[in-house]
C-alpha atoms as a PDB file:
ATOM      1  CA  MET A   1      44.938  18.959 -34.588  1.00  0.00           C
ATOM      2  CA  LYS A   2      48.046  21.106 -35.037  1.00  0.00           C
ATOM      3  CA  GLY A   3      47.106  24.625 -34.067  1.00  0.00           C
ATOM      4  CA  SER A   4      43.799  23.518 -32.579  1.00  0.00           C
ATOM      5  CA  PRO A   5      42.611  24.522 -29.093  1.00  0.00           C
ATOM      6  CA  GLY A   6      44.158  21.719 -27.074  1.00  0.00           C
ATOM      7  CA  ALA A   7      43.025  18.633 -28.991  1.00  0.00           C
ATOM      8  CA  SER A   8      46.200  16.670 -28.186  1.00  0.00           C
ATOM      9  CA  THR A   9      46.039  17.708 -24.542  1.00  0.00           C
ATOM     10  CA  LEU A  10      42.416  16.570 -24.376  1.00  0.00           C
ATOM     11  CA  ALA A  11      43.383  13.253 -25.952  1.00  0.00           C
ATOM     12  CA  VAL A  12      45.953  12.674 -23.176  1.00  0.00           C
ATOM     13  CA  ALA A  13      43.347  13.715 -20.597  1.00  0.00           C
ATOM     14  CA  LEU A  14      40.937  11.133 -21.993  1.00  0.00           C
ATOM     15  CA  ALA A  15      43.673   8.506 -21.788  1.00  0.00           C
ATOM     16  CA  VAL A  16      43.919   9.021 -18.008  1.00  0.00           C
ATOM     17  CA  ALA A  17      40.208   9.600 -17.382  1.00  0.00           C
ATOM     18  CA  ASP A  18      38.483   7.391 -14.814  1.00  0.00           C
ATOM     19  CA  GLY A  19      35.284   7.112 -16.857  1.00  0.00           C
ATOM     20  CA  TRP A  20      36.398   4.153 -18.985  1.00  0.00           C
ATOM     21  CA  PRO A  21      35.972   0.480 -18.080  1.00  0.00           C
ATOM     22  CA  GLN A  22      38.737  -0.246 -15.592  1.00  0.00           C
ATOM     23  CA  ASP A  23      39.709  -3.805 -16.559  1.00  0.00           C
ATOM     24  CA  VAL A  24      41.891  -2.684 -19.491  1.00  0.00           C
ATOM     25  CA  PRO A  25      43.192   0.916 -19.573  1.00  0.00           C
ATOM     26  CA  PRO A  26      42.799   2.920 -22.787  1.00  0.00           C
ATOM     27  CA  VAL A  27      45.685   3.672 -25.111  1.00  0.00           C
ATOM     28  CA  MET A  28      46.131   6.909 -27.024  1.00  0.00           C
ATOM     29  CA  VAL A  29      47.661   6.643 -30.501  1.00  0.00           C
ATOM     30  CA  GLU A  30      49.279   9.739 -31.980  1.00  0.00           C
ATOM     31  CA  ALA A  31      48.484   9.573 -35.678  1.00  0.00           C
ATOM     32  CA  ASP A  32      48.799  13.192 -36.771  1.00  0.00           C
ATOM     33  CA  PRO A  33      50.456  13.362 -40.213  1.00  0.00           C
ATOM     34  CA  ALA A  34      51.921  16.730 -39.196  1.00  0.00           C
ATOM     35  CA  GLY A  35      53.971  15.027 -36.457  1.00  0.00           C
ATOM     36  CA  GLY A  36      53.555  14.112 -32.815  1.00  0.00           C
ATOM     37  CA  ASP A  37      53.845  16.261 -29.712  1.00  0.00           C
ATOM     38  CA  VAL A  38      53.939  13.827 -26.809  1.00  0.00           C
ATOM     39  CA  SER A  39      57.522  12.591 -27.169  1.00  0.00           C
ATOM     40  CA  GLY A  40      58.750  16.184 -26.981  1.00  0.00           C
ATOM     41  CA  TRP A  41      56.436  17.125 -24.126  1.00  0.00           C
ATOM     42  CA  HIS A  42      57.478  14.193 -21.954  1.00  0.00           C
ATOM     43  CA  ALA A  43      61.008  13.559 -23.234  1.00  0.00           C
ATOM     44  CA  VAL A  44      60.271   9.961 -24.216  1.00  0.00           C
ATOM     45  CA  ALA A  45      61.679   8.115 -27.210  1.00  0.00           C
ATOM     46  CA  ASP A  46      59.441   7.792 -30.245  1.00  0.00           C
ATOM     47  CA  ALA A  47      60.387   4.123 -30.634  1.00  0.00           C
ATOM     48  CA  PRO A  48      58.594   1.987 -29.749  1.00  0.00           C
ATOM     49  CA  GLY A  49      55.717   4.041 -31.037  1.00  0.00           C
ATOM     50  CA  LEU A  50      53.672   4.733 -34.141  1.00  0.00           C
ATOM     51  CA  VAL A  51      56.419   3.697 -36.544  1.00  0.00           C
ATOM     52  CA  THR A  52      56.938   0.309 -34.914  1.00  0.00           C
ATOM     53  CA  LEU A  53      53.167  -0.266 -34.641  1.00  0.00           C
ATOM     54  CA  ALA A  54      52.691   0.497 -38.323  1.00  0.00           C
ATOM     55  CA  ALA A  55      55.574  -1.805 -39.236  1.00  0.00           C
ATOM     56  CA  GLN A  56      54.167  -4.649 -37.164  1.00  0.00           C
ATOM     57  CA  CYS A  57      50.751  -4.215 -38.806  1.00  0.00           C
ATOM     58  CA  ARG A  58      52.366  -5.187 -42.108  1.00  0.00           C
ATOM     59  CA  THR A  59      52.884  -8.676 -40.688  1.00  0.00           C
ATOM     60  CA  GLY A  60      49.147  -9.129 -40.192  1.00  0.00           C
ATOM     61  CA  THR A  61      49.289  -8.960 -36.410  1.00  0.00           C
ATOM     62  CA  ALA A  62      49.718  -6.195 -33.859  1.00  0.00           C
ATOM     63  CA  THR A  63      49.809  -5.897 -30.083  1.00  0.00           C
ATOM     64  CA  LEU A  64      49.076  -2.286 -29.223  1.00  0.00           C
ATOM     65  CA  ALA A  65      50.517  -2.332 -25.707  1.00  0.00           C
ATOM     66  CA  GLU A  66      53.953  -3.306 -27.030  1.00  0.00           C
ATOM     67  CA  HIS A  67      54.256   0.066 -28.753  1.00  0.00           C
ATOM     68  CA  ALA A  68      52.954   2.322 -25.959  1.00  0.00           C
ATOM     69  CA  SER A  69      54.938   4.471 -23.531  1.00  0.00           C
ATOM     70  CA  ARG A  70      53.652   5.219 -20.027  1.00  0.00           C
ATOM     71  CA  LEU A  71      53.797   8.929 -19.165  1.00  0.00           C
ATOM     72  CA  ALA A  72      54.256  10.525 -15.741  1.00  0.00           C
ATOM     73  CA  CYS A  73      50.533  11.374 -15.714  1.00  0.00           C
ATOM     74  CA  SER A  74      49.838   7.618 -16.179  1.00  0.00           C
ATOM     75  CA  ALA A  75      48.619   7.874 -19.768  1.00  0.00           C
ATOM     76  CA  GLN A  76      49.649   5.087 -22.137  1.00  0.00           C
ATOM     77  CA  VAL A  77      50.529   6.622 -25.503  1.00  0.00           C
ATOM     78  CA  VAL A  78      51.799   5.264 -28.802  1.00  0.00           C
ATOM     79  CA  VAL A  79      53.927   8.277 -29.676  1.00  0.00           C
ATOM     80  CA  ALA A  80      54.562   9.557 -33.186  1.00  0.00           C
ATOM     81  CA  PRO A  81      57.803  11.025 -34.491  1.00  0.00           C
ATOM     82  CA  GLY A  82      57.873  14.816 -34.403  1.00  0.00           C
ATOM     83  CA  GLY A  83      58.867  15.208 -38.051  1.00  0.00           C
ATOM     84  CA  ARG A  84      56.159  15.461 -40.693  1.00  0.00           C
ATOM     85  CA  PRO A  85      57.706  13.087 -43.287  1.00  0.00           C
ATOM     86  CA  GLN A  86      58.230  10.249 -40.809  1.00  0.00           C
ATOM     87  CA  ALA A  87      54.839  10.758 -39.170  1.00  0.00           C
ATOM     88  CA  THR A  88      53.010  10.952 -42.503  1.00  0.00           C
ATOM     89  CA  ALA A  89      54.636   7.739 -43.752  1.00  0.00           C
ATOM     90  CA  ALA A  90      53.700   5.881 -40.565  1.00  0.00           C
ATOM     91  CA  VAL A  91      50.120   7.217 -40.605  1.00  0.00           C
ATOM     92  CA  GLU A  92      49.669   6.189 -44.239  1.00  0.00           C
ATOM     93  CA  LEU A  93      50.876   2.695 -43.435  1.00  0.00           C
ATOM     94  CA  LEU A  94      48.652   2.396 -40.359  1.00  0.00           C
ATOM     95  CA  ALA A  95      45.613   3.776 -42.187  1.00  0.00           C
ATOM     96  CA  ALA A  96      46.049   1.161 -44.919  1.00  0.00           C
ATOM     97  CA  THR A  97      45.560  -1.670 -42.421  1.00  0.00           C
ATOM     98  CA  ASP A  98      42.330  -2.973 -40.923  1.00  0.00           C
ATOM     99  CA  VAL A  99      41.757  -0.888 -37.788  1.00  0.00           C
ATOM    100  CA  ARG A 100      40.377  -3.954 -36.010  1.00  0.00           C
ATOM    101  CA  LEU A 101      43.840  -5.516 -36.218  1.00  0.00           C
ATOM    102  CA  TRP A 102      45.179  -3.226 -33.495  1.00  0.00           C
ATOM    103  CA  SER A 103      42.150  -1.791 -31.740  1.00  0.00           C
ATOM    104  CA  GLN A 104      39.936  -4.649 -30.588  1.00  0.00           C
ATOM    105  CA  ASP A 105      41.175  -5.438 -27.100  1.00  0.00           C
ATOM    106  CA  ARG A 106      40.762  -2.024 -25.420  1.00  0.00           C
ATOM    107  CA  THR A 107      39.529   1.540 -25.792  1.00  0.00           C
ATOM    108  CA  VAL A 108      41.732   3.305 -28.347  1.00  0.00           C
ATOM    109  CA  LEU A 109      41.938   7.097 -28.609  1.00  0.00           C
ATOM    110  CA  VAL A 110      43.485   8.340 -31.854  1.00  0.00           C
ATOM    111  CA  ASP A 111      44.815  11.891 -32.145  1.00  0.00           C
ATOM    112  CA  ALA A 112      44.626  12.166 -35.920  1.00  0.00           C
ATOM    113  CA  GLY A 113      45.211  15.879 -36.482  1.00  0.00           C
ATOM    114  CA  ARG A 114      43.018  18.200 -38.516  1.00  0.00           C
ATOM    115  CA  TRP A 115      39.980  16.743 -40.239  1.00  0.00           C
ATOM    116  CA  HIS A 116      40.167  16.816 -44.023  1.00  0.00           C
ATOM    117  CA  PRO A 117      38.781  14.157 -46.362  1.00  0.00           C
ATOM    118  CA  LEU A 118      42.162  13.985 -48.140  1.00  0.00           C
ATOM    119  CA  SER A 119      44.229  13.693 -44.951  1.00  0.00           C
ATOM    120  CA  PRO A 120      46.375  10.542 -44.741  1.00  0.00           C
ATOM    121  CA  ALA A 121      44.603   9.948 -41.423  1.00  0.00           C
ATOM    122  CA  ALA A 122      41.089  10.279 -42.887  1.00  0.00           C
ATOM    123  CA  PRO A 123      40.500   6.484 -42.974  1.00  0.00           C
ATOM    124  CA  LEU A 124      41.265   6.355 -39.244  1.00  0.00           C
ATOM    125  CA  MET A 125      38.838   9.195 -38.542  1.00  0.00           C
ATOM    126  CA  THR A 126      35.976   7.775 -40.577  1.00  0.00           C
ATOM    127  CA  ALA A 127      36.484   4.337 -39.021  1.00  0.00           C
ATOM    128  CA  ALA A 128      36.198   5.741 -35.468  1.00  0.00           C
ATOM    129  CA  ASP A 129      33.106   5.110 -33.381  1.00  0.00           C
ATOM    130  CA  VAL A 130      33.088   8.847 -32.634  1.00  0.00           C
ATOM    131  CA  LEU A 131      35.220  11.563 -34.218  1.00  0.00           C
ATOM    132  CA  LEU A 132      35.686  14.297 -31.620  1.00  0.00           C
ATOM    133  CA  VAL A 133      36.208  17.711 -33.190  1.00  0.00           C
ATOM    134  CA  VAL A 134      37.668  20.189 -30.703  1.00  0.00           C
ATOM    135  CA  VAL A 135      36.737  23.832 -31.292  1.00  0.00           C
ATOM    136  CA  ARG A 136      36.868  27.063 -29.348  1.00  0.00           C
ATOM    137  CA  GLY A 137      33.560  28.678 -28.553  1.00  0.00           C
ATOM    138  CA  ASP A 138      34.248  32.104 -30.082  1.00  0.00           C
ATOM    139  CA  ALA A 139      32.537  33.216 -33.265  1.00  0.00           C
ATOM    140  CA  GLY A 140      35.677  33.191 -35.420  1.00  0.00           C
ATOM    141  CA  ALA A 141      36.654  29.641 -34.547  1.00  0.00           C
ATOM    142  CA  LEU A 142      33.112  28.360 -35.007  1.00  0.00           C
ATOM    143  CA  LYS A 143      32.755  30.027 -38.395  1.00  0.00           C
ATOM    144  CA  GLN A 144      36.027  28.428 -39.510  1.00  0.00           C
ATOM    145  CA  ALA A 145      34.881  25.012 -38.300  1.00  0.00           C
ATOM    146  CA  ALA A 146      31.593  25.419 -40.152  1.00  0.00           C
ATOM    147  CA  ASP A 147      33.487  25.061 -43.452  1.00  0.00           C
ATOM    148  CA  ALA A 148      34.964  21.681 -42.526  1.00  0.00           C
ATOM    149  CA  ARG A 149      32.121  19.445 -43.841  1.00  0.00           C
ATOM    150  CA  LEU A 150      32.385  16.995 -40.991  1.00  0.00           C
ATOM    151  CA  PRO A 151      31.633  13.280 -41.468  1.00  0.00           C
ATOM    152  CA  GLY A 152      28.598  11.613 -39.950  1.00  0.00           C
ATOM    153  CA  ASN A 153      30.449  10.206 -36.924  1.00  0.00           C
ATOM    154  CA  ALA A 154      31.616  13.659 -35.740  1.00  0.00           C
ATOM    155  CA  ALA A 155      30.748  15.157 -32.349  1.00  0.00           C
ATOM    156  CA  LEU A 156      31.850  18.555 -31.083  1.00  0.00           C
ATOM    157  CA  VAL A 157      33.791  19.433 -27.948  1.00  0.00           C
ATOM    158  CA  VAL A 158      33.725  23.159 -27.214  1.00  0.00           C
ATOM    159  CA  VAL A 159      36.739  24.565 -25.342  1.00  0.00           C
ATOM    160  CA  GLY A 160      36.250  27.506 -23.032  1.00  0.00           C
ATOM    161  CA  GLU A 161      33.236  29.736 -22.618  1.00  0.00           C
ATOM    162  CA  THR A 162      30.775  30.425 -25.408  1.00  0.00           C
ATOM    163  CA  VAL A 163      27.749  32.676 -25.674  1.00  0.00           C
ATOM    164  CA  PHE A 164      26.113  30.504 -28.322  1.00  0.00           C
ATOM    165  CA  PRO A 165      23.484  27.835 -27.611  1.00  0.00           C
ATOM    166  CA  ALA A 166      24.821  24.336 -28.151  1.00  0.00           C
ATOM    167  CA  SER A 167      21.801  23.565 -30.321  1.00  0.00           C
ATOM    168  CA  GLU A 168      22.753  26.419 -32.644  1.00  0.00           C
ATOM    169  CA  ILE A 169      26.400  25.369 -32.793  1.00  0.00           C
ATOM    170  CA  SER A 170      25.246  21.862 -33.694  1.00  0.00           C
ATOM    171  CA  ALA A 171      22.940  23.140 -36.417  1.00  0.00           C
ATOM    172  CA  VAL A 172      25.593  25.331 -38.036  1.00  0.00           C
ATOM    173  CA  LEU A 173      28.472  22.823 -37.828  1.00  0.00           C
ATOM    174  CA  GLY A 174      26.354  19.782 -38.618  1.00  0.00           C
ATOM    175  CA  ALA A 175      27.344  17.699 -35.598  1.00  0.00           C
ATOM    176  CA  PRO A 176      26.097  17.359 -32.009  1.00  0.00           C
ATOM    177  CA  VAL A 177      27.841  19.154 -29.169  1.00  0.00           C
ATOM    178  CA  ILE A 178      28.775  16.321 -26.830  1.00  0.00           C
ATOM    179  CA  ALA A 179      30.643  18.314 -24.179  1.00  0.00           C
ATOM    180  CA  GLY A 180      32.329  21.504 -23.137  1.00  0.00           C
ATOM    181  CA  VAL A 181      35.735  21.527 -21.479  1.00  0.00           C
ATOM    182  CA  PRO A 182      37.364  24.361 -19.529  1.00  0.00           C
ATOM    183  CA  LEU A 183      40.563  26.222 -20.237  1.00  0.00           C
ATOM    184  CA  ASP A 184      42.683  24.681 -17.477  1.00  0.00           C
ATOM    185  CA  ARG A 185      46.342  25.662 -17.595  1.00  0.00           C
ATOM    186  CA  HIS A 186      47.273  23.733 -14.456  1.00  0.00           C
ATOM    187  CA  GLY A 187      45.771  20.467 -15.684  1.00  0.00           C
ATOM    188  CA  ALA A 188      47.176  21.000 -19.167  1.00  0.00           C
ATOM    189  CA  ALA A 189      50.666  21.540 -17.707  1.00  0.00           C
ATOM    190  CA  VAL A 190      50.496  18.135 -16.006  1.00  0.00           C
ATOM    191  CA  LEU A 191      49.207  16.419 -19.137  1.00  0.00           C
ATOM    192  CA  CYS A 192      51.938  18.061 -21.224  1.00  0.00           C
ATOM    193  CA  GLY A 193      54.696  17.076 -18.784  1.00  0.00           C
ATOM    194  CA  ALA A 194      55.457  20.625 -17.630  1.00  0.00           C
ATOM    195  CA  ARG A 195      54.641  19.900 -13.965  1.00  0.00           C
ATOM    196  CA  PRO A 196      54.269  16.727 -11.904  1.00  0.00           C
ATOM    197  CA  PRO A 197      50.837  15.381 -10.940  1.00  0.00           C
ATOM    198  CA  ALA A 198      49.664  16.472  -7.484  1.00  0.00           C
ATOM    199  CA  ARG A 199      47.289  14.611  -5.191  1.00  0.00           C
ATOM    200  CA  GLY A 200      43.742  14.766  -6.487  1.00  0.00           C
ATOM    201  CA  TRP A 201      44.676  16.507  -9.734  1.00  0.00           C
ATOM    202  CA  ARG A 202      42.176  14.418 -11.727  1.00  0.00           C
ATOM    203  CA  ARG A 203      39.193  15.628  -9.685  1.00  0.00           C
ATOM    204  CA  VAL A 204      38.978  19.149 -11.088  1.00  0.00           C
ATOM    205  CA  GLY A 205      39.325  21.146 -14.281  1.00  0.00           C
ATOM    206  CA  LEU A 206      40.230  19.453 -17.540  1.00  0.00           C
ATOM    207  CA  PRO A 207      40.745  15.938 -16.081  1.00  0.00           C
ATOM    208  CA  ALA A 208      37.296  16.053 -14.478  1.00  0.00           C
ATOM    209  CA  ALA A 209      35.754  17.228 -17.744  1.00  0.00           C
ATOM    210  CA  ALA A 210      37.557  14.417 -19.576  1.00  0.00           C
ATOM    211  CA  ARG A 211      36.047  11.889 -17.187  1.00  0.00           C
ATOM    212  CA  ALA A 212      32.548  13.211 -17.902  1.00  0.00           C
ATOM    213  CA  LEU A 213      33.289  13.080 -21.618  1.00  0.00           C
ATOM    214  CA  ALA A 214      34.519   9.485 -21.369  1.00  0.00           C
ATOM    215  CA  GLU A 215      31.324   8.500 -19.586  1.00  0.00           C
ATOM    216  CA  ALA A 216      29.271  10.274 -22.260  1.00  0.00           C
ATOM    217  CA  LEU A 217      31.105   8.448 -25.037  1.00  0.00           C
ATOM    218  CA  LEU A 218      30.061   5.121 -23.546  1.00  0.00           C
ATOM    219  CA  THR A 219      26.383   5.989 -23.996  1.00  0.00           C
ATOM    220  CA  ASP A 220      24.375   5.855 -27.195  1.00  0.00           C
ATOM    221  CA  ALA A 221      24.227   8.565 -29.829  1.00  0.00           C
ATOM    222  CA  ALA A 222      20.824   9.807 -28.716  1.00  0.00           C
ATOM    223  CA  THR A 223      22.118  10.361 -25.203  1.00  0.00           C
ATOM    224  CA  ARG A 224      25.164  12.207 -26.568  1.00  0.00           C
ATOM    225  CA  ALA A 225      22.901  14.568 -28.492  1.00  0.00           C
ATOM    226  CA  ARG A 226      20.871  15.335 -25.349  1.00  0.00           C
ATOM    227  CA  LEU A 227      23.999  16.368 -23.435  1.00  0.00           C
ATOM    228  CA  ALA A 228      24.133  19.742 -25.181  1.00  0.00           C
ATOM    229  CA  GLN A 229      23.057  22.450 -22.742  1.00  0.00           C
ATOM    230  CA  PRO A 230      22.149  25.882 -24.207  1.00  0.00           C
ATOM    231  CA  VAL A 231      24.090  28.716 -22.570  1.00  0.00           C
ATOM    232  CA  GLY A 232      22.366  31.679 -24.232  1.00  0.00           C
ATOM    233  CA  GLY A 233      23.429  34.163 -26.880  1.00  0.00           C
ATOM    234  CA  GLU A 234      22.937  34.843 -30.568  1.00  0.00           C
ATOM    235  CA  TRP A 235      24.803  33.596 -33.610  1.00  0.00           C
ATOM    236  CA  PRO A 236      26.300  36.718 -35.261  1.00  0.00           C
END
């Protein structure tokens, strides 16, 4: 989400996480109607990318890997144009197609921007196996998220420390807390292309949390709900 606490960075982290099945690597698709970030972060062209994928979908066939760029951190990303008009047009076109056309052969991670039922990307979000909603753990951010009226496939990822029990966050926001991820500037800098990957960089911080999240996403919904660990505190 534009302006959210690291949702796009987390999406890239999930794309390089070791917790997925290893035979076919996952692909992240930038489908934020407000415009993409990755091409600017990593200085890669936005074509091939979301626009070419959406155009190919009009033919009734699509090969996702043909439209992905490989980043220095090893993530494979279908990048979106940075401008809102171009990104919105491509998202609308992609959302009008059958998601199974381009998402059957591998794990697909879609960064679809802010949740809103009238968003051009809403069909992509509601079609997802799990819609991860990334929120900060402070009272203000949680109160704002409580007004979002999340769909039934939503699960919460809390960024940074929080004094509120996960069970209470789940009750107020209407979705299970599946994971917490740390504020990790070093890992985020690698994922955003600001510094090169160092040896073992995936073993700690945000990349390590992304691996645990990937493993959790491969389990059933009941297991996801049990992952929430209360950390104490009162809802104000």
